[in-house]
Amino acid sequence: DEYLEAVQVAAPIFRDYGGRQRFCGQIVTLKALEDNSYLKAS
């Protein structure tokens, strides 16, 4: 409501699974197909 089109809004395709539903931070990205080796390293 405050920033309108200055922000992007993700399509509602995700479900919440963690112990926290509200979280924020600076983005670190990873692209990996069916291999979580780099996720663990991150």
Full PDB file with SEQRES, HELIX, SHEET, SSBOND, CRYST1, ORIGX, SCALE, CONECT and MASTER records, all heavy atoms in Angstrom:
SEQRES   1 A   42  ASP GLU TYR LEU GLU ALA VAL GLN VAL ALA ALA PRO ILE          
SEQRES   2 A   42  PHE ARG ASP TYR GLY GLY ARG GLN ARG PHE CYS GLY GLN          
SEQRES   3 A   42  ILE VAL THR LEU LYS ALA LEU GLU ASP ASN SER TYR LEU          
SEQRES   4 A   42  LYS ALA SER                                                  
HELIX    1 AA1 LEU A    4  ALA A    6  5                                   3    
HELIX    2 AA2 SER A   37  ALA A   41  1                                   5    
CRYST1    1.000    1.000    1.000  90.00  90.00  90.00 P 1           1          
ORIGX1      1.000000  0.000000  0.000000        0.00000                         
ORIGX2      0.000000  1.000000  0.000000        0.00000                         
ORIGX3      0.000000  0.000000  1.000000        0.00000                         
SCALE1      1.000000  0.000000  0.000000        0.00000                         
SCALE2      0.000000  1.000000  0.000000        0.00000                         
SCALE3      0.000000  0.000000  1.000000        0.00000                         
ATOM      1  N   ASP A   1       0.822  -1.217   0.000  1.00  0.00           N  
ATOM      2  CA  ASP A   1       0.000   0.000   0.000  1.00  0.00           C  
ATOM      3  C   ASP A   1       0.850   1.258   0.000  1.00  0.00           C  
ATOM      4  O   ASP A   1       0.503   2.254  -0.637  1.00  0.00           O  
ATOM      5  CB  ASP A   1      -0.937   0.014   1.212  1.00  0.00           C  
ATOM      6  CG  ASP A   1      -2.047  -1.008   1.100  1.00  0.00           C  
ATOM      7  OD1 ASP A   1      -2.229  -1.600   0.014  1.00  0.00           O  
ATOM      8  OD2 ASP A   1      -2.740  -1.232   2.113  1.00  0.00           O  
ATOM      9  N   GLU A   2       1.982   1.217   0.691  1.00  0.00           N  
ATOM     10  CA  GLU A   2       2.842   2.397   0.772  1.00  0.00           C  
ATOM     11  C   GLU A   2       3.677   2.595  -0.492  1.00  0.00           C  
ATOM     12  O   GLU A   2       3.843   3.710  -0.968  1.00  0.00           O  
ATOM     13  CB  GLU A   2       3.767   2.290   1.983  1.00  0.00           C  
ATOM     14  CG  GLU A   2       4.645   3.519   2.155  1.00  0.00           C  
ATOM     15  CD  GLU A   2       5.439   3.506   3.444  1.00  0.00           C  
ATOM     16  OE1 GLU A   2       5.166   2.673   4.326  1.00  0.00           O  
ATOM     17  OE2 GLU A   2       6.350   4.344   3.553  1.00  0.00           O  
ATOM     18  N   TYR A   3       4.191   1.489  -1.061  1.00  0.00           N  
ATOM     19  CA  TYR A   3       5.129   1.611  -2.171  1.00  0.00           C  
ATOM     20  C   TYR A   3       4.538   1.265  -3.533  1.00  0.00           C  
ATOM     21  O   TYR A   3       5.164   1.530  -4.557  1.00  0.00           O  
ATOM     22  CB  TYR A   3       6.370   0.748  -1.904  1.00  0.00           C  
ATOM     23  CG  TYR A   3       7.154   1.258  -0.724  1.00  0.00           C  
ATOM     24  CD1 TYR A   3       6.992   0.702   0.543  1.00  0.00           C  
ATOM     25  CD2 TYR A   3       8.035   2.314  -0.866  1.00  0.00           C  
ATOM     26  CE1 TYR A   3       7.708   1.178   1.632  1.00  0.00           C  
ATOM     27  CE2 TYR A   3       8.755   2.797   0.215  1.00  0.00           C  
ATOM     28  CZ  TYR A   3       8.580   2.229   1.459  1.00  0.00           C  
ATOM     29  OH  TYR A   3       9.280   2.703   2.530  1.00  0.00           O  
ATOM     30  N   LEU A   4       3.368   0.646  -3.555  1.00  0.00           N  
ATOM     31  CA  LEU A   4       2.650   0.288  -4.777  1.00  0.00           C  
ATOM     32  C   LEU A   4       3.574  -0.366  -5.811  1.00  0.00           C  
ATOM     33  O   LEU A   4       4.198  -1.363  -5.536  1.00  0.00           O  
ATOM     34  CB  LEU A   4       1.909   1.499  -5.345  1.00  0.00           C  
ATOM     35  CG  LEU A   4       0.844   2.089  -4.410  1.00  0.00           C  
ATOM     36  CD1 LEU A   4       0.292   3.384  -4.983  1.00  0.00           C  
ATOM     37  CD2 LEU A   4      -0.265   1.087  -4.153  1.00  0.00           C  
ATOM     38  N   GLU A   5       3.634   0.201  -6.991  1.00  0.00           N  
ATOM     39  CA  GLU A   5       4.378  -0.440  -8.076  1.00  0.00           C  
ATOM     40  C   GLU A   5       5.894  -0.288  -7.969  1.00  0.00           C  
ATOM     41  O   GLU A   5       6.626  -0.770  -8.826  1.00  0.00           O  
ATOM     42  CB  GLU A   5       3.878   0.067  -9.429  1.00  0.00           C  
ATOM     43  CG  GLU A   5       2.415  -0.270  -9.691  1.00  0.00           C  
ATOM     44  CD  GLU A   5       2.079  -1.752  -9.498  1.00  0.00           C  
ATOM     45  OE1 GLU A   5       2.821  -2.615 -10.010  1.00  0.00           O  
ATOM     46  OE2 GLU A   5       1.081  -2.041  -8.822  1.00  0.00           O  
ATOM     47  N   ALA A   6       6.382   0.340  -6.894  1.00  0.00           N  
ATOM     48  CA  ALA A   6       7.822   0.410  -6.661  1.00  0.00           C  
ATOM     49  C   ALA A   6       8.343  -0.911  -6.098  1.00  0.00           C  
ATOM     50  O   ALA A   6       9.551  -1.114  -6.010  1.00  0.00           O  
ATOM     51  CB  ALA A   6       8.157   1.552  -5.712  1.00  0.00           C  
ATOM     52  N   VAL A   7       7.418  -1.795  -5.715  1.00  0.00           N  
ATOM     53  CA  VAL A   7       7.793  -3.119  -5.231  1.00  0.00           C  
ATOM     54  C   VAL A   7       7.199  -4.182  -6.146  1.00  0.00           C  
ATOM     55  O   VAL A   7       6.252  -3.914  -6.880  1.00  0.00           O  
ATOM     56  CB  VAL A   7       7.325  -3.364  -3.771  1.00  0.00           C  
ATOM     57  CG1 VAL A   7       8.015  -2.398  -2.823  1.00  0.00           C  
ATOM     58  CG2 VAL A   7       5.822  -3.292  -3.641  1.00  0.00           C  
ATOM     59  N   GLN A   8       7.761  -5.381  -6.101  1.00  0.00           N  
ATOM     60  CA  GLN A   8       7.203  -6.520  -6.826  1.00  0.00           C  
ATOM     61  C   GLN A   8       6.449  -7.394  -5.825  1.00  0.00           C  
ATOM     62  O   GLN A   8       6.856  -7.500  -4.670  1.00  0.00           O  
ATOM     63  CB  GLN A   8       8.315  -7.366  -7.442  1.00  0.00           C  
ATOM     64  CG  GLN A   8       9.190  -6.657  -8.450  1.00  0.00           C  
ATOM     65  CD  GLN A   8      10.245  -7.633  -8.928  1.00  0.00           C  
ATOM     66  OE1 GLN A   8       9.995  -8.454  -9.799  1.00  0.00           O  
ATOM     67  NE2 GLN A   8      11.434  -7.558  -8.343  1.00  0.00           N  
ATOM     68  N   VAL A   9       5.395  -8.020  -6.291  1.00  0.00           N  
ATOM     69  CA  VAL A   9       4.621  -8.936  -5.453  1.00  0.00           C  
ATOM     70  C   VAL A   9       4.655 -10.310  -6.127  1.00  0.00           C  
ATOM     71  O   VAL A   9       4.234 -10.460  -7.275  1.00  0.00           O  
ATOM     72  CB  VAL A   9       3.168  -8.456  -5.281  1.00  0.00           C  
ATOM     73  CG1 VAL A   9       2.364  -9.462  -4.474  1.00  0.00           C  
ATOM     74  CG2 VAL A   9       3.136  -7.078  -4.618  1.00  0.00           C  
ATOM     75  N   ALA A  10       5.155 -11.298  -5.397  1.00  0.00           N  
ATOM     76  CA  ALA A  10       5.264 -12.652  -5.941  1.00  0.00           C  
ATOM     77  C   ALA A  10       3.890 -13.295  -6.088  1.00  0.00           C  
ATOM     78  O   ALA A  10       2.989 -13.055  -5.275  1.00  0.00           O  
ATOM     79  CB  ALA A  10       6.147 -13.511  -5.039  1.00  0.00           C  
ATOM     80  N   ALA A  11       3.743 -14.100  -7.120  1.00  0.00           N  
ATOM     81  CA  ALA A  11       2.509 -14.871  -7.310  1.00  0.00           C  
ATOM     82  C   ALA A  11       2.282 -15.751  -6.075  1.00  0.00           C  
ATOM     83  O   ALA A  11       3.245 -16.243  -5.477  1.00  0.00           O  
ATOM     84  CB  ALA A  11       2.617 -15.730  -8.564  1.00  0.00           C  
ATOM     85  N   PRO A  12       1.033 -15.966  -5.702  1.00  0.00           N  
ATOM     86  CA  PRO A  12       0.734 -16.722  -4.476  1.00  0.00           C  
ATOM     87  C   PRO A  12       0.830 -18.235  -4.674  1.00  0.00           C  
ATOM     88  O   PRO A  12      -0.155 -18.964  -4.574  1.00  0.00           O  
ATOM     89  CB  PRO A  12      -0.693 -16.281  -4.155  1.00  0.00           C  
ATOM     90  CG  PRO A  12      -1.288 -16.002  -5.494  1.00  0.00           C  
ATOM     91  CD  PRO A  12      -0.170 -15.420  -6.329  1.00  0.00           C  
ATOM     92  N   ILE A  13       2.044 -18.701  -4.907  1.00  0.00           N  
ATOM     93  CA  ILE A  13       2.243 -20.130  -5.176  1.00  0.00           C  
ATOM     94  C   ILE A  13       2.908 -20.865  -4.011  1.00  0.00           C  
ATOM     95  O   ILE A  13       3.031 -22.081  -4.039  1.00  0.00           O  
ATOM     96  CB  ILE A  13       3.087 -20.340  -6.458  1.00  0.00           C  
ATOM     97  CG1 ILE A  13       4.459 -19.696  -6.335  1.00  0.00           C  
ATOM     98  CG2 ILE A  13       2.335 -19.799  -7.670  1.00  0.00           C  
ATOM     99  CD1 ILE A  13       5.401 -19.979  -7.497  1.00  0.00           C  
ATOM    100  N   PHE A  14       3.322 -20.124  -2.975  1.00  0.00           N  
ATOM    101  CA  PHE A  14       4.082 -20.723  -1.880  1.00  0.00           C  
ATOM    102  C   PHE A  14       3.226 -21.003  -0.659  1.00  0.00           C  
ATOM    103  O   PHE A  14       2.267 -20.292  -0.386  1.00  0.00           O  
ATOM    104  CB  PHE A  14       5.234 -19.790  -1.467  1.00  0.00           C  
ATOM    105  CG  PHE A  14       6.173 -19.490  -2.587  1.00  0.00           C  
ATOM    106  CD1 PHE A  14       6.100 -18.286  -3.269  1.00  0.00           C  
ATOM    107  CD2 PHE A  14       7.127 -20.415  -2.979  1.00  0.00           C  
ATOM    108  CE1 PHE A  14       6.959 -18.008  -4.317  1.00  0.00           C  
ATOM    109  CE2 PHE A  14       7.983 -20.152  -4.029  1.00  0.00           C  
ATOM    110  CZ  PHE A  14       7.899 -18.946  -4.702  1.00  0.00           C  
ATOM    111  N   ARG A  15       3.645 -22.033   0.075  1.00  0.00           N  
ATOM    112  CA  ARG A  15       3.054 -22.345   1.371  1.00  0.00           C  
ATOM    113  C   ARG A  15       4.100 -22.077   2.445  1.00  0.00           C  
ATOM    114  O   ARG A  15       5.295 -22.163   2.193  1.00  0.00           O  
ATOM    115  CB  ARG A  15       2.628 -23.814   1.420  1.00  0.00           C  
ATOM    116  CG  ARG A  15       1.469 -24.105   0.476  1.00  0.00           C  
ATOM    117  CD  ARG A  15       1.010 -25.542   0.551  1.00  0.00           C  
ATOM    118  NE  ARG A  15       0.726 -25.928   1.938  1.00  0.00           N  
ATOM    119  CZ  ARG A  15       0.614 -27.186   2.352  1.00  0.00           C  
ATOM    120  NH1 ARG A  15       0.744 -28.180   1.504  1.00  0.00           N  
ATOM    121  NH2 ARG A  15       0.371 -27.460   3.613  1.00  0.00           N  
ATOM    122  N   ASP A  16       3.622 -21.762   3.646  1.00  0.00           N  
ATOM    123  CA  ASP A  16       4.518 -21.531   4.785  1.00  0.00           C  
ATOM    124  C   ASP A  16       4.797 -22.845   5.495  1.00  0.00           C  
ATOM    125  O   ASP A  16       3.870 -23.587   5.814  1.00  0.00           O  
ATOM    126  CB  ASP A  16       3.880 -20.553   5.777  1.00  0.00           C  
ATOM    127  CG  ASP A  16       3.909 -19.130   5.285  1.00  0.00           C  
ATOM    128  OD1 ASP A  16       5.010 -18.641   4.989  1.00  0.00           O  
ATOM    129  OD2 ASP A  16       2.842 -18.504   5.205  1.00  0.00           O  
ATOM    130  N   TYR A  17       6.076 -23.096   5.783  1.00  0.00           N  
ATOM    131  CA  TYR A  17       6.456 -24.327   6.475  1.00  0.00           C  
ATOM    132  C   TYR A  17       7.321 -24.088   7.696  1.00  0.00           C  
ATOM    133  O   TYR A  17       7.421 -24.951   8.558  1.00  0.00           O  
ATOM    134  CB  TYR A  17       7.204 -25.270   5.518  1.00  0.00           C  
ATOM    135  CG  TYR A  17       6.333 -25.801   4.417  1.00  0.00           C  
ATOM    136  CD1 TYR A  17       6.413 -25.268   3.129  1.00  0.00           C  
ATOM    137  CD2 TYR A  17       5.416 -26.816   4.651  1.00  0.00           C  
ATOM    138  CE1 TYR A  17       5.611 -25.757   2.102  1.00  0.00           C  
ATOM    139  CE2 TYR A  17       4.610 -27.300   3.636  1.00  0.00           C  
ATOM    140  CZ  TYR A  17       4.719 -26.771   2.371  1.00  0.00           C  
ATOM    141  OH  TYR A  17       3.924 -27.238   1.356  1.00  0.00           O  
ATOM    142  N   GLY A  18       7.986 -22.960   7.795  1.00  0.00           N  
ATOM    143  CA  GLY A  18       8.932 -22.726   8.880  1.00  0.00           C  
ATOM    144  C   GLY A  18       8.278 -22.312  10.179  1.00  0.00           C  
ATOM    145  O   GLY A  18       7.072 -22.063  10.253  1.00  0.00           O  
ATOM    146  N   GLY A  19       9.094 -22.220  11.208  1.00  0.00           N  
ATOM    147  CA  GLY A  19       8.628 -21.781  12.513  1.00  0.00           C  
ATOM    148  C   GLY A  19       8.289 -20.306  12.548  1.00  0.00           C  
ATOM    149  O   GLY A  19       7.627 -19.837  13.474  1.00  0.00           O  
ATOM    150  N   ARG A  20       8.748 -19.562  11.555  1.00  0.00           N  
ATOM    151  CA  ARG A  20       8.429 -18.133  11.418  1.00  0.00           C  
ATOM    152  C   ARG A  20       7.664 -17.931  10.122  1.00  0.00           C  
ATOM    153  O   ARG A  20       8.125 -18.363   9.072  1.00  0.00           O  
ATOM    154  CB  ARG A  20       9.715 -17.319  11.269  1.00  0.00           C  
ATOM    155  CG  ARG A  20      10.325 -16.857  12.523  1.00  0.00           C  
ATOM    156  CD  ARG A  20      11.322 -15.772  12.166  1.00  0.00           C  
ATOM    157  NE  ARG A  20      12.661 -16.232  12.479  1.00  0.00           N  
ATOM    158  CZ  ARG A  20      13.752 -15.628  12.071  1.00  0.00           C  
ATOM    159  NH1 ARG A  20      13.686 -14.576  11.295  1.00  0.00           N  
ATOM    160  NH2 ARG A  20      14.924 -16.080  12.405  1.00  0.00           N  
ATOM    161  N   GLN A  21       6.549 -17.254  10.188  1.00  0.00           N  
ATOM    162  CA  GLN A  21       5.835 -16.933   8.943  1.00  0.00           C  
ATOM    163  C   GLN A  21       6.231 -15.561   8.431  1.00  0.00           C  
ATOM    164  O   GLN A  21       6.094 -15.289   7.245  1.00  0.00           O  
ATOM    165  CB  GLN A  21       4.326 -17.001   9.153  1.00  0.00           C  
ATOM    166  CG  GLN A  21       3.828 -18.426   9.286  1.00  0.00           C  
ATOM    167  CD  GLN A  21       2.318 -18.503   9.241  1.00  0.00           C  
ATOM    168  OE1 GLN A  21       1.618 -17.697   9.849  1.00  0.00           O  
ATOM    169  NE2 GLN A  21       1.799 -19.467   8.517  1.00  0.00           N  
ATOM    170  N   ARG A  22       6.714 -14.709   9.307  1.00  0.00           N  
ATOM    171  CA  ARG A  22       7.099 -13.348   8.926  1.00  0.00           C  
ATOM    172  C   ARG A  22       8.624 -13.244   8.993  1.00  0.00           C  
ATOM    173  O   ARG A  22       9.212 -13.476  10.040  1.00  0.00           O  
ATOM    174  CB  ARG A  22       6.457 -12.354   9.882  1.00  0.00           C  
ATOM    175  CG  ARG A  22       6.649 -10.908   9.531  1.00  0.00           C  
ATOM    176  CD  ARG A  22       5.936 -10.037  10.545  1.00  0.00           C  
ATOM    177  NE  ARG A  22       4.577 -10.516  10.758  1.00  0.00           N  
ATOM    178  CZ  ARG A  22       3.477  -9.917  10.305  1.00  0.00           C  
ATOM    179  NH1 ARG A  22       3.575  -8.805   9.650  1.00  0.00           N  
ATOM    180  NH2 ARG A  22       2.282 -10.430  10.542  1.00  0.00           N  
ATOM    181  N   PHE A  23       9.241 -12.927   7.839  1.00  0.00           N  
ATOM    182  CA  PHE A  23      10.697 -12.783   7.818  1.00  0.00           C  
ATOM    183  C   PHE A  23      11.085 -11.834   6.692  1.00  0.00           C  
ATOM    184  O   PHE A  23      10.326 -11.622   5.749  1.00  0.00           O  
ATOM    185  CB  PHE A  23      11.401 -14.138   7.670  1.00  0.00           C  
ATOM    186  CG  PHE A  23      11.045 -14.922   6.427  1.00  0.00           C  
ATOM    187  CD1 PHE A  23      11.836 -14.866   5.289  1.00  0.00           C  
ATOM    188  CD2 PHE A  23       9.921 -15.742   6.409  1.00  0.00           C  
ATOM    189  CE1 PHE A  23      11.515 -15.607   4.153  1.00  0.00           C  
ATOM    190  CE2 PHE A  23       9.594 -16.492   5.283  1.00  0.00           C  
ATOM    191  CZ  PHE A  23      10.398 -16.420   4.148  1.00  0.00           C  
ATOM    192  N   CYS A  24      12.260 -11.257   6.802  1.00  0.00           N  
ATOM    193  CA  CYS A  24      12.742 -10.345   5.762  1.00  0.00           C  
ATOM    194  C   CYS A  24      14.254 -10.309   5.804  1.00  0.00           C  
ATOM    195  O   CYS A  24      14.875 -10.668   6.801  1.00  0.00           O  
ATOM    196  CB  CYS A  24      12.165  -8.947   5.952  1.00  0.00           C  
ATOM    197  SG  CYS A  24      12.675  -8.112   7.455  1.00  0.00           S  
ATOM    198  N   GLY A  25      14.826  -9.863   4.695  1.00  0.00           N  
ATOM    199  CA  GLY A  25      16.261  -9.716   4.629  1.00  0.00           C  
ATOM    200  C   GLY A  25      16.746  -9.501   3.217  1.00  0.00           C  
ATOM    201  O   GLY A  25      15.970  -9.503   2.261  1.00  0.00           O  
ATOM    202  N   GLN A  26      18.054  -9.320   3.123  1.00  0.00           N  
ATOM    203  CA  GLN A  26      18.693  -9.118   1.828  1.00  0.00           C  
ATOM    204  C   GLN A  26      18.781 -10.461   1.105  1.00  0.00           C  
ATOM    205  O   GLN A  26      19.105 -11.482   1.701  1.00  0.00           O  
ATOM    206  CB  GLN A  26      20.077  -8.521   2.024  1.00  0.00           C  
ATOM    207  CG  GLN A  26      20.638  -7.901   0.782  1.00  0.00           C  
ATOM    208  CD  GLN A  26      21.801  -6.983   1.072  1.00  0.00           C  
ATOM    209  OE1 GLN A  26      22.496  -7.133   2.067  1.00  0.00           O  
ATOM    210  NE2 GLN A  26      22.029  -6.034   0.186  1.00  0.00           N  
ATOM    211  N   ILE A  27      18.473 -10.432  -0.178  1.00  0.00           N  
ATOM    212  CA  ILE A  27      18.397 -11.662  -0.972  1.00  0.00           C  
ATOM    213  C   ILE A  27      19.776 -12.191  -1.356  1.00  0.00           C  
ATOM    214  O   ILE A  27      20.633 -11.455  -1.835  1.00  0.00           O  
ATOM    215  CB  ILE A  27      17.568 -11.410  -2.254  1.00  0.00           C  
ATOM    216  CG1 ILE A  27      16.107 -11.111  -1.893  1.00  0.00           C  
ATOM    217  CG2 ILE A  27      17.664 -12.594  -3.212  1.00  0.00           C  
ATOM    218  CD1 ILE A  27      15.264 -10.679  -3.078  1.00  0.00           C  
ATOM    219  N   VAL A  28      19.938 -13.496  -1.138  1.00  0.00           N  
ATOM    220  CA  VAL A  28      21.063 -14.276  -1.655  1.00  0.00           C  
ATOM    221  C   VAL A  28      20.424 -15.327  -2.551  1.00  0.00           C  
ATOM    222  O   VAL A  28      19.452 -15.964  -2.156  1.00  0.00           O  
ATOM    223  CB  VAL A  28      21.854 -14.957  -0.513  1.00  0.00           C  
ATOM    224  CG1 VAL A  28      22.934 -15.865  -1.073  1.00  0.00           C  
ATOM    225  CG2 VAL A  28      22.431 -13.918   0.434  1.00  0.00           C  
ATOM    226  N   THR A  29      20.924 -15.495  -3.764  1.00  0.00           N  
ATOM    227  CA  THR A  29      20.263 -16.409  -4.702  1.00  0.00           C  
ATOM    228  C   THR A  29      21.073 -17.668  -4.972  1.00  0.00           C  
ATOM    229  O   THR A  29      22.293 -17.684  -4.878  1.00  0.00           O  
ATOM    230  CB  THR A  29      19.975 -15.719  -6.055  1.00  0.00           C  
ATOM    231  OG1 THR A  29      21.214 -15.339  -6.663  1.00  0.00           O  
ATOM    232  CG2 THR A  29      19.065 -14.521  -5.885  1.00  0.00           C  
ATOM    233  N   LEU A  30      20.310 -18.703  -5.331  1.00  0.00           N  
ATOM    234  CA  LEU A  30      20.881 -19.991  -5.694  1.00  0.00           C  
ATOM    235  C   LEU A  30      19.977 -20.646  -6.725  1.00  0.00           C  
ATOM    236  O   LEU A  30      18.757 -20.686  -6.549  1.00  0.00           O  
ATOM    237  CB  LEU A  30      20.970 -20.897  -4.453  1.00  0.00           C  
ATOM    238  CG  LEU A  30      21.195 -22.391  -4.681  1.00  0.00           C  
ATOM    239  CD1 LEU A  30      22.520 -22.643  -5.387  1.00  0.00           C  
ATOM    240  CD2 LEU A  30      21.126 -23.137  -3.365  1.00  0.00           C  
ATOM    241  N   LYS A  31      20.576 -21.135  -7.797  1.00  0.00           N  
ATOM    242  CA  LYS A  31      19.842 -21.909  -8.801  1.00  0.00           C  
ATOM    243  C   LYS A  31      20.413 -23.314  -8.782  1.00  0.00           C  
ATOM    244  O   LYS A  31      21.619 -23.507  -8.990  1.00  0.00           O  
ATOM    245  CB  LYS A  31      19.986 -21.286 -10.185  1.00  0.00           C  
ATOM    246  CG  LYS A  31      19.156 -21.989 -11.256  1.00  0.00           C  
ATOM    247  CD  LYS A  31      19.243 -21.237 -12.576  1.00  0.00           C  
ATOM    248  CE  LYS A  31      18.359 -21.852 -13.635  1.00  0.00           C  
ATOM    249  NZ  LYS A  31      16.935 -21.659 -13.412  1.00  0.00           N  
ATOM    250  N   ALA A  32      19.566 -24.293  -8.498  1.00  0.00           N  
ATOM    251  CA  ALA A  32      20.025 -25.680  -8.426  1.00  0.00           C  
ATOM    252  C   ALA A  32      18.840 -26.600  -8.688  1.00  0.00           C  
ATOM    253  O   ALA A  32      17.757 -26.388  -8.142  1.00  0.00           O  
ATOM    254  CB  ALA A  32      20.622 -25.976  -7.058  1.00  0.00           C  
ATOM    255  N   LEU A  33      19.049 -27.599  -9.509  1.00  0.00           N  
ATOM    256  CA  LEU A  33      17.988 -28.545  -9.842  1.00  0.00           C  
ATOM    257  C   LEU A  33      18.235 -29.872  -9.136  1.00  0.00           C  
ATOM    258  O   LEU A  33      19.230 -30.555  -9.423  1.00  0.00           O  
ATOM    259  CB  LEU A  33      17.912 -28.758 -11.359  1.00  0.00           C  
ATOM    260  CG  LEU A  33      16.845 -29.755 -11.823  1.00  0.00           C  
ATOM    261  CD1 LEU A  33      15.446 -29.249 -11.455  1.00  0.00           C  
ATOM    262  CD2 LEU A  33      16.952 -29.987 -13.313  1.00  0.00           C  
ATOM    263  N   GLU A  34      17.364 -30.183  -8.200  1.00  0.00           N  
ATOM    264  CA  GLU A  34      17.361 -31.483  -7.523  1.00  0.00           C  
ATOM    265  C   GLU A  34      18.703 -31.843  -6.893  1.00  0.00           C  
ATOM    266  O   GLU A  34      19.096 -33.003  -6.846  1.00  0.00           O  
ATOM    267  CB  GLU A  34      16.866 -32.564  -8.492  1.00  0.00           C  
ATOM    268  CG  GLU A  34      15.461 -32.270  -8.970  1.00  0.00           C  
ATOM    269  CD  GLU A  34      14.953 -33.205 -10.042  1.00  0.00           C  
ATOM    270  OE1 GLU A  34      15.668 -34.151 -10.426  1.00  0.00           O  
ATOM    271  OE2 GLU A  34      13.815 -32.983 -10.509  1.00  0.00           O  
ATOM    272  N   ASP A  35      19.403 -30.832  -6.398  1.00  0.00           N  
ATOM    273  CA  ASP A  35      20.684 -31.007  -5.717  1.00  0.00           C  
ATOM    274  C   ASP A  35      20.802 -29.892  -4.683  1.00  0.00           C  
ATOM    275  O   ASP A  35      20.830 -28.719  -5.044  1.00  0.00           O  
ATOM    276  CB  ASP A  35      21.824 -30.925  -6.734  1.00  0.00           C  
ATOM    277  CG  ASP A  35      23.204 -31.102  -6.109  1.00  0.00           C  
ATOM    278  OD1 ASP A  35      23.332 -31.073  -4.865  1.00  0.00           O  
ATOM    279  OD2 ASP A  35      24.168 -31.252  -6.875  1.00  0.00           O  
ATOM    280  N   ASN A  36      20.865 -30.257  -3.399  1.00  0.00           N  
ATOM    281  CA  ASN A  36      20.914 -29.223  -2.374  1.00  0.00           C  
ATOM    282  C   ASN A  36      22.313 -28.994  -1.799  1.00  0.00           C  
ATOM    283  O   ASN A  36      22.464 -28.402  -0.732  1.00  0.00           O  
ATOM    284  CB  ASN A  36      19.909 -29.512  -1.260  1.00  0.00           C  
ATOM    285  CG  ASN A  36      20.240 -30.751  -0.458  1.00  0.00           C  
ATOM    286  OD1 ASN A  36      21.229 -31.428  -0.715  1.00  0.00           O  
ATOM    287  ND2 ASN A  36      19.403 -31.048   0.516  1.00  0.00           N  
ATOM    288  N   SER A  37      23.345 -29.418  -2.493  1.00  0.00           N  
ATOM    289  CA  SER A  37      24.721 -29.233  -2.021  1.00  0.00           C  
ATOM    290  C   SER A  37      25.032 -27.753  -1.767  1.00  0.00           C  
ATOM    291  O   SER A  37      25.613 -27.403  -0.735  1.00  0.00           O  
ATOM    292  CB  SER A  37      25.724 -29.768  -3.051  1.00  0.00           C  
ATOM    293  OG  SER A  37      25.466 -31.109  -3.369  1.00  0.00           O  
ATOM    294  N   TYR A  38      24.650 -26.884  -2.686  1.00  0.00           N  
ATOM    295  CA  TYR A  38      24.941 -25.461  -2.541  1.00  0.00           C  
ATOM    296  C   TYR A  38      24.022 -24.806  -1.512  1.00  0.00           C  
ATOM    297  O   TYR A  38      24.408 -23.818  -0.882  1.00  0.00           O  
ATOM    298  CB  TYR A  38      24.819 -24.751  -3.894  1.00  0.00           C  
ATOM    299  CG  TYR A  38      26.037 -24.909  -4.779  1.00  0.00           C  
ATOM    300  CD1 TYR A  38      26.573 -26.173  -5.051  1.00  0.00           C  
ATOM    301  CD2 TYR A  38      26.647 -23.821  -5.353  1.00  0.00           C  
ATOM    302  CE1 TYR A  38      27.680 -26.328  -5.869  1.00  0.00           C  
ATOM    303  CE2 TYR A  38      27.760 -23.962  -6.179  1.00  0.00           C  
ATOM    304  CZ  TYR A  38      28.270 -25.216  -6.424  1.00  0.00           C  
ATOM    305  OH  TYR A  38      29.365 -25.366  -7.230  1.00  0.00           O  
ATOM    306  N   LEU A  39      22.832 -25.335  -1.333  1.00  0.00           N  
ATOM    307  CA  LEU A  39      21.944 -24.828  -0.285  1.00  0.00           C  
ATOM    308  C   LEU A  39      22.600 -25.072   1.069  1.00  0.00           C  
ATOM    309  O   LEU A  39      22.660 -24.179   1.905  1.00  0.00           O  
ATOM    310  CB  LEU A  39      20.578 -25.508  -0.375  1.00  0.00           C  
ATOM    311  CG  LEU A  39      19.453 -24.890   0.456  1.00  0.00           C  
ATOM    312  CD1 LEU A  39      18.108 -25.195  -0.173  1.00  0.00           C  
ATOM    313  CD2 LEU A  39      19.455 -25.355   1.878  1.00  0.00           C  
ATOM    314  N   LYS A  40      23.120 -26.260   1.282  1.00  0.00           N  
ATOM    315  CA  LYS A  40      23.809 -26.580   2.535  1.00  0.00           C  
ATOM    316  C   LYS A  40      25.007 -25.651   2.725  1.00  0.00           C  
ATOM    317  O   LYS A  40      25.218 -25.098   3.807  1.00  0.00           O  
ATOM    318  CB  LYS A  40      24.258 -28.040   2.543  1.00  0.00           C  
ATOM    319  CG  LYS A  40      24.965 -28.450   3.824  1.00  0.00           C  
ATOM    320  CD  LYS A  40      25.286 -29.936   3.799  1.00  0.00           C  
ATOM    321  CE  LYS A  40      25.820 -30.403   5.138  1.00  0.00           C  
ATOM    322  NZ  LYS A  40      27.244 -30.250   5.280  1.00  0.00           N  
ATOM    323  N   ALA A  41      25.796 -25.471   1.679  1.00  0.00           N  
ATOM    324  CA  ALA A  41      26.969 -24.590   1.769  1.00  0.00           C  
ATOM    325  C   ALA A  41      26.553 -23.161   2.116  1.00  0.00           C  
ATOM    326  O   ALA A  41      27.214 -22.497   2.922  1.00  0.00           O  
ATOM    327  CB  ALA A  41      27.752 -24.617   0.454  1.00  0.00           C  
ATOM    328  N   SER A  42      25.466 -22.698   1.531  1.00  0.00           N  
ATOM    329  CA  SER A  42      24.975 -21.351   1.842  1.00  0.00           C  
ATOM    330  C   SER A  42      24.563 -21.259   3.305  1.00  0.00           C  
ATOM    331  O   SER A  42      24.912 -20.301   4.006  1.00  0.00           O  
ATOM    332  CB  SER A  42      23.785 -20.992   0.952  1.00  0.00           C  
ATOM    333  OG  SER A  42      24.179 -20.913  -0.390  1.00  0.00           O  
TER     334      SER A  42                                                      
MASTER        0    0    0    2    0    0    0    6  333    1    0    4          
END                                                                             
